N, C-alpha and C. Protein backbone atom coordinates (compact mmCIF):
# COMPACT_ATOMS: atom_id res chain seq x y z
N MET A 1 15.71 -3.27 10.75
CA MET A 1 14.43 -2.69 9.71
C MET A 1 13.89 -4.07 9.32
N ILE A 2 12.64 -4.11 9.12
CA ILE A 2 11.83 -5.17 8.74
C ILE A 2 11.44 -4.82 7.27
N ARG A 3 11.58 -5.68 6.20
CA ARG A 3 11.17 -5.60 4.79
C ARG A 3 9.97 -6.06 4.67
N LYS A 4 9.00 -5.36 4.27
CA LYS A 4 7.44 -6.20 3.93
C LYS A 4 7.43 -6.05 2.31
N ALA A 5 6.97 -6.95 1.42
CA ALA A 5 6.54 -6.95 0.09
C ALA A 5 5.24 -7.82 0.02
N PHE A 6 4.33 -7.06 -0.93
CA PHE A 6 2.79 -7.44 -1.07
C PHE A 6 2.45 -7.29 -2.48
N ILE A 7 1.41 -7.96 -3.08
CA ILE A 7 0.97 -7.91 -3.94
C ILE A 7 -0.46 -7.36 -4.15
N MET A 8 -0.92 -6.63 -4.90
CA MET A 8 -2.27 -6.03 -4.86
C MET A 8 -2.99 -6.18 -6.35
N THR A 9 -4.18 -5.71 -6.41
CA THR A 9 -4.47 -5.31 -8.02
C THR A 9 -5.23 -4.21 -8.33
N VAL A 10 -4.75 -3.45 -9.32
CA VAL A 10 -5.71 -2.29 -9.94
C VAL A 10 -6.50 -2.78 -10.94
N TYR A 11 -7.53 -2.09 -11.13
CA TYR A 11 -8.49 -2.62 -12.09
C TYR A 11 -7.82 -2.11 -13.33
N PRO A 12 -7.99 -2.72 -14.68
CA PRO A 12 -7.14 -2.67 -15.90
C PRO A 12 -7.37 -1.23 -16.40
N ASP A 13 -8.59 -0.87 -16.45
CA ASP A 13 -9.18 0.76 -17.02
C ASP A 13 -8.67 1.72 -15.68
N LYS A 14 -7.88 1.36 -14.66
CA LYS A 14 -7.69 2.59 -13.48
C LYS A 14 -6.13 2.81 -13.37
N HIS A 15 -5.30 2.21 -14.60
CA HIS A 15 -3.97 2.41 -14.13
C HIS A 15 -3.66 4.00 -14.04
N GLU A 16 -3.79 4.67 -14.72
CA GLU A 16 -3.56 6.14 -14.73
C GLU A 16 -4.05 6.89 -13.34
N GLU A 17 -5.59 6.45 -13.12
CA GLU A 17 -6.20 7.20 -12.05
C GLU A 17 -5.39 6.58 -10.64
N TYR A 18 -4.83 5.44 -10.55
CA TYR A 18 -4.38 4.80 -9.51
C TYR A 18 -2.93 5.57 -9.18
N GLU A 19 -2.19 5.70 -10.56
CA GLU A 19 -1.22 6.34 -10.14
C GLU A 19 -1.28 7.91 -9.91
N GLN A 20 -2.03 8.43 -10.45
CA GLN A 20 -2.39 9.82 -10.24
C GLN A 20 -2.70 10.20 -8.88
N ARG A 21 -3.42 9.51 -8.19
CA ARG A 21 -4.14 9.43 -6.85
C ARG A 21 -2.80 9.22 -5.83
N HIS A 22 -1.90 8.42 -6.25
CA HIS A 22 -0.44 8.25 -5.60
C HIS A 22 0.28 9.30 -5.41
N ASN A 23 0.18 9.97 -6.65
CA ASN A 23 1.13 11.41 -7.06
C ASN A 23 0.49 12.31 -6.37
N GLU A 24 -0.64 12.32 -5.86
CA GLU A 24 -1.14 13.61 -5.17
C GLU A 24 -1.52 13.00 -3.71
N ILE A 25 -0.86 12.12 -3.20
CA ILE A 25 -1.06 11.34 -1.82
C ILE A 25 -1.32 12.46 -0.83
N TRP A 26 -2.16 12.34 0.10
CA TRP A 26 -2.53 13.38 1.14
C TRP A 26 -1.23 13.45 2.16
N PRO A 27 -0.75 14.47 2.20
CA PRO A 27 0.30 15.09 3.36
C PRO A 27 -0.16 14.33 4.78
N GLU A 28 -1.17 14.28 4.90
CA GLU A 28 -1.47 13.56 6.67
C GLU A 28 -1.52 12.33 6.33
N MET A 29 -1.68 11.34 5.00
CA MET A 29 -1.45 10.07 5.13
C MET A 29 -0.07 9.88 5.14
N VAL A 30 0.76 10.56 4.39
CA VAL A 30 2.41 10.21 4.48
C VAL A 30 2.66 10.40 6.18
N ASP A 31 2.15 11.67 6.71
CA ASP A 31 2.58 11.58 8.01
C ASP A 31 2.26 10.58 8.99
N GLU A 32 1.10 10.06 8.74
CA GLU A 32 0.39 8.72 9.42
C GLU A 32 1.49 7.61 9.27
N LEU A 33 1.77 7.70 8.05
CA LEU A 33 2.54 6.17 7.39
C LEU A 33 3.96 6.30 8.08
N HIS A 34 4.69 7.68 8.44
CA HIS A 34 5.99 7.81 9.03
C HIS A 34 5.74 7.58 10.54
N LYS A 35 4.75 7.78 11.33
CA LYS A 35 4.15 8.00 12.33
C LYS A 35 4.30 6.16 12.72
N HIS A 36 3.80 5.68 11.88
CA HIS A 36 3.90 4.04 11.94
C HIS A 36 5.04 3.15 11.80
N GLY A 37 5.86 3.96 11.10
CA GLY A 37 7.06 3.59 11.18
C GLY A 37 7.49 3.07 9.46
N ALA A 38 6.66 3.41 8.78
CA ALA A 38 6.88 3.11 7.02
C ALA A 38 7.91 3.77 6.52
N LYS A 39 9.11 3.45 5.88
CA LYS A 39 10.14 4.13 5.17
C LYS A 39 10.23 3.44 3.81
N ASN A 40 10.92 3.74 2.93
CA ASN A 40 11.36 3.46 1.99
C ASN A 40 9.93 2.50 0.97
N TYR A 41 8.88 3.43 0.97
CA TYR A 41 7.73 2.87 0.42
C TYR A 41 7.81 2.93 -1.02
N SER A 42 7.59 1.82 -1.91
CA SER A 42 7.38 1.97 -3.36
C SER A 42 6.55 1.04 -3.77
N ILE A 43 5.52 1.34 -4.74
CA ILE A 43 4.60 0.31 -5.37
C ILE A 43 4.99 0.77 -6.82
N PHE A 44 4.77 -0.53 -7.20
CA PHE A 44 5.14 -0.58 -8.99
C PHE A 44 4.17 -1.41 -9.88
N LEU A 45 3.92 -1.33 -10.76
CA LEU A 45 2.78 -1.67 -11.80
C LEU A 45 3.03 -2.64 -12.58
N ASP A 46 2.60 -3.67 -12.98
CA ASP A 46 2.52 -4.89 -14.39
C ASP A 46 1.76 -4.35 -14.94
N LYS A 47 1.47 -3.46 -15.99
CA LYS A 47 0.42 -2.92 -16.81
C LYS A 47 -0.20 -4.45 -17.51
N GLU A 48 0.72 -5.23 -17.57
CA GLU A 48 0.07 -6.48 -18.57
C GLU A 48 -1.01 -7.31 -17.70
N THR A 49 -0.69 -7.31 -16.30
CA THR A 49 -1.32 -7.93 -15.67
C THR A 49 -2.31 -7.27 -14.68
N SER A 50 -1.92 -6.07 -14.52
CA SER A 50 -2.69 -4.80 -13.60
C SER A 50 -2.10 -5.49 -11.96
N LYS A 51 -1.29 -5.86 -11.76
CA LYS A 51 -0.86 -6.46 -10.45
C LYS A 51 0.23 -5.37 -10.01
N LEU A 52 0.00 -4.87 -8.78
CA LEU A 52 0.55 -3.83 -7.92
C LEU A 52 1.91 -4.76 -7.24
N PHE A 53 2.79 -4.30 -6.92
CA PHE A 53 4.11 -5.08 -6.09
C PHE A 53 4.34 -3.68 -5.26
N GLY A 54 4.22 -3.87 -3.83
CA GLY A 54 4.31 -3.01 -3.04
C GLY A 54 5.48 -3.73 -2.01
N TYR A 55 6.49 -2.45 -1.82
CA TYR A 55 7.69 -2.66 -0.77
C TYR A 55 7.91 -1.51 0.03
N LEU A 56 7.93 -2.10 1.30
CA LEU A 56 8.25 -0.85 2.48
C LEU A 56 9.25 -1.45 3.51
N GLU A 57 9.55 -0.51 3.81
CA GLU A 57 10.66 -1.10 5.53
C GLU A 57 9.99 -0.44 6.35
N ILE A 58 9.50 -1.44 7.52
CA ILE A 58 9.12 -0.55 8.98
C ILE A 58 10.04 -1.21 10.08
N GLU A 59 9.79 -0.30 10.93
CA GLU A 59 10.48 -0.23 12.53
C GLU A 59 10.12 -1.45 13.38
N ASP A 60 8.59 -1.62 13.28
CA ASP A 60 8.30 -2.22 14.56
C ASP A 60 6.64 -3.15 13.84
N GLU A 61 6.61 -4.11 13.83
CA GLU A 61 5.25 -5.16 13.30
C GLU A 61 4.14 -4.50 14.28
N GLU A 62 4.28 -4.56 15.56
CA GLU A 62 3.14 -3.93 16.26
C GLU A 62 2.49 -2.69 15.85
N ILE A 63 3.68 -1.71 15.75
CA ILE A 63 3.30 -0.08 15.72
C ILE A 63 2.87 -0.10 14.30
N TRP A 64 3.16 -0.99 13.03
CA TRP A 64 2.75 -1.11 11.63
C TRP A 64 1.24 -1.55 11.86
N SER A 65 1.01 -2.62 12.68
CA SER A 65 -0.22 -3.30 12.59
C SER A 65 -1.41 -2.09 13.05
N GLN A 66 -1.15 -0.90 13.93
CA GLN A 66 -1.96 -0.30 13.84
C GLN A 66 -2.20 0.75 13.15
N MET A 67 -1.60 0.98 12.09
CA MET A 67 -1.74 1.78 10.85
C MET A 67 -3.38 1.49 10.17
N ALA A 68 -3.60 0.50 9.95
CA ALA A 68 -5.01 -0.12 9.48
C ALA A 68 -6.23 0.77 9.96
N ALA A 69 -6.03 0.88 11.52
CA ALA A 69 -7.22 1.66 12.17
C ALA A 69 -7.63 2.81 12.20
N THR A 70 -6.12 3.59 11.73
CA THR A 70 -6.20 4.98 12.20
C THR A 70 -7.45 5.67 10.84
N SER A 71 -7.94 6.65 11.29
CA SER A 71 -8.91 7.25 10.60
C SER A 71 -8.57 7.86 9.27
N ILE A 72 -7.38 8.48 8.77
CA ILE A 72 -6.98 8.65 7.84
C ILE A 72 -6.59 7.68 6.61
N ASN A 73 -5.94 6.32 7.11
CA ASN A 73 -5.94 5.06 6.60
C ASN A 73 -7.54 4.64 6.00
N GLN A 74 -8.39 4.74 7.02
CA GLN A 74 -9.65 4.20 6.56
C GLN A 74 -10.33 5.14 5.54
N LYS A 75 -9.80 6.48 5.60
CA LYS A 75 -10.39 7.53 4.50
C LYS A 75 -9.86 7.01 3.06
N TRP A 76 -8.31 6.91 3.19
CA TRP A 76 -7.62 6.41 2.10
C TRP A 76 -8.13 5.15 1.48
N TRP A 77 -8.41 4.35 2.05
CA TRP A 77 -9.16 2.94 1.78
C TRP A 77 -10.44 3.23 0.94
N GLU A 78 -11.23 3.94 1.51
CA GLU A 78 -12.32 4.52 0.85
C GLU A 78 -12.09 5.17 -0.51
N TYR A 79 -11.11 5.96 -0.43
CA TYR A 79 -11.07 6.61 -1.71
C TYR A 79 -10.54 5.94 -2.95
N MET A 80 -9.65 4.81 -2.56
CA MET A 80 -8.89 4.15 -3.37
C MET A 80 -9.85 2.73 -3.79
N GLU A 81 -10.83 2.71 -3.07
CA GLU A 81 -11.65 1.43 -3.66
C GLU A 81 -12.53 1.30 -4.99
N PRO A 82 -12.62 2.60 -5.73
CA PRO A 82 -12.92 2.47 -6.98
C PRO A 82 -12.06 2.34 -8.13
N VAL A 83 -10.86 2.20 -7.58
CA VAL A 83 -9.78 1.78 -8.54
C VAL A 83 -8.94 0.53 -8.32
N MET A 84 -9.43 -0.26 -7.23
CA MET A 84 -8.68 -1.52 -7.26
C MET A 84 -9.44 -2.40 -6.45
N GLU A 85 -9.01 -3.70 -6.70
CA GLU A 85 -9.70 -4.71 -5.71
C GLU A 85 -9.70 -4.71 -4.32
N THR A 86 -11.01 -4.48 -3.67
CA THR A 86 -10.78 -4.76 -2.20
C THR A 86 -11.62 -5.57 -1.37
N ASN A 87 -11.69 -5.72 -0.33
CA ASN A 87 -12.12 -6.41 0.70
C ASN A 87 -13.69 -5.69 1.16
N PRO A 88 -14.38 -6.30 1.86
CA PRO A 88 -15.77 -5.93 2.33
C PRO A 88 -15.53 -4.70 3.13
N ASP A 89 -14.21 -4.49 3.97
CA ASP A 89 -13.98 -3.53 4.86
C ASP A 89 -12.99 -2.24 4.29
N LYS A 90 -13.38 -2.63 2.72
CA LYS A 90 -12.47 -1.42 1.87
C LYS A 90 -11.17 -1.47 1.90
N SER A 91 -10.25 -2.33 2.31
CA SER A 91 -9.08 -2.72 2.69
C SER A 91 -8.51 -3.22 1.46
N PRO A 92 -7.42 -3.02 0.85
CA PRO A 92 -7.11 -3.75 -0.58
C PRO A 92 -6.80 -5.03 -0.38
N VAL A 93 -7.28 -5.83 -1.21
CA VAL A 93 -6.91 -7.16 -1.55
C VAL A 93 -5.44 -7.47 -1.65
N SER A 94 -4.71 -8.02 -0.59
CA SER A 94 -3.39 -7.88 -0.34
C SER A 94 -2.91 -9.27 -0.41
N LEU A 95 -1.78 -9.51 -1.09
CA LEU A 95 -1.04 -10.92 -0.63
C LEU A 95 0.18 -10.62 -0.38
N ASP A 96 0.94 -10.98 0.99
CA ASP A 96 1.95 -10.77 1.62
C ASP A 96 2.92 -11.70 0.95
N LEU A 97 4.00 -11.40 0.54
CA LEU A 97 5.34 -12.18 0.13
C LEU A 97 6.19 -12.63 1.22
N LYS A 98 6.57 -13.53 0.71
CA LYS A 98 7.95 -14.08 1.83
C LYS A 98 9.25 -13.86 1.49
N GLU A 99 9.96 -13.07 1.85
CA GLU A 99 11.41 -13.02 1.59
C GLU A 99 12.24 -14.13 1.55
N VAL A 100 12.99 -14.48 0.44
CA VAL A 100 13.56 -15.39 0.26
C VAL A 100 15.00 -15.19 -0.13
N PHE A 101 15.26 -13.76 -0.27
CA PHE A 101 16.71 -13.31 -0.86
C PHE A 101 17.09 -11.90 -0.52
N HIS A 102 18.14 -11.68 0.11
CA HIS A 102 18.27 -10.23 0.50
C HIS A 102 19.73 -9.94 0.19
N MET A 103 20.27 -9.21 -0.55
CA MET A 103 21.72 -8.56 -0.46
C MET A 103 21.64 -6.98 -0.22
N ASP A 104 22.68 -6.58 0.69
CA ASP A 104 22.90 -5.16 0.97
C ASP A 104 23.77 -4.70 -0.11
């Protein structure tokens, strides 16, 4: 299992909207995440900074890297663009974090 962690930013006035959209995540998006090996996926919000901390476990980097190109993922990015910082391709601005410690 490969552990991945990353930081994104939600707009300060969109915290509740961001959470609501994830509470109502589309079943087909969840299915696609599972197909691409995602497990144990969580996102946390620091309300003071509007920073999001994401964590997930994947089975294979190559399979996971194909998730971004799926039509449902592209649709999700477009849906989320109004509530968070995004790149020109509508993907979230994201900073990958390096694991420096893990304990089972």
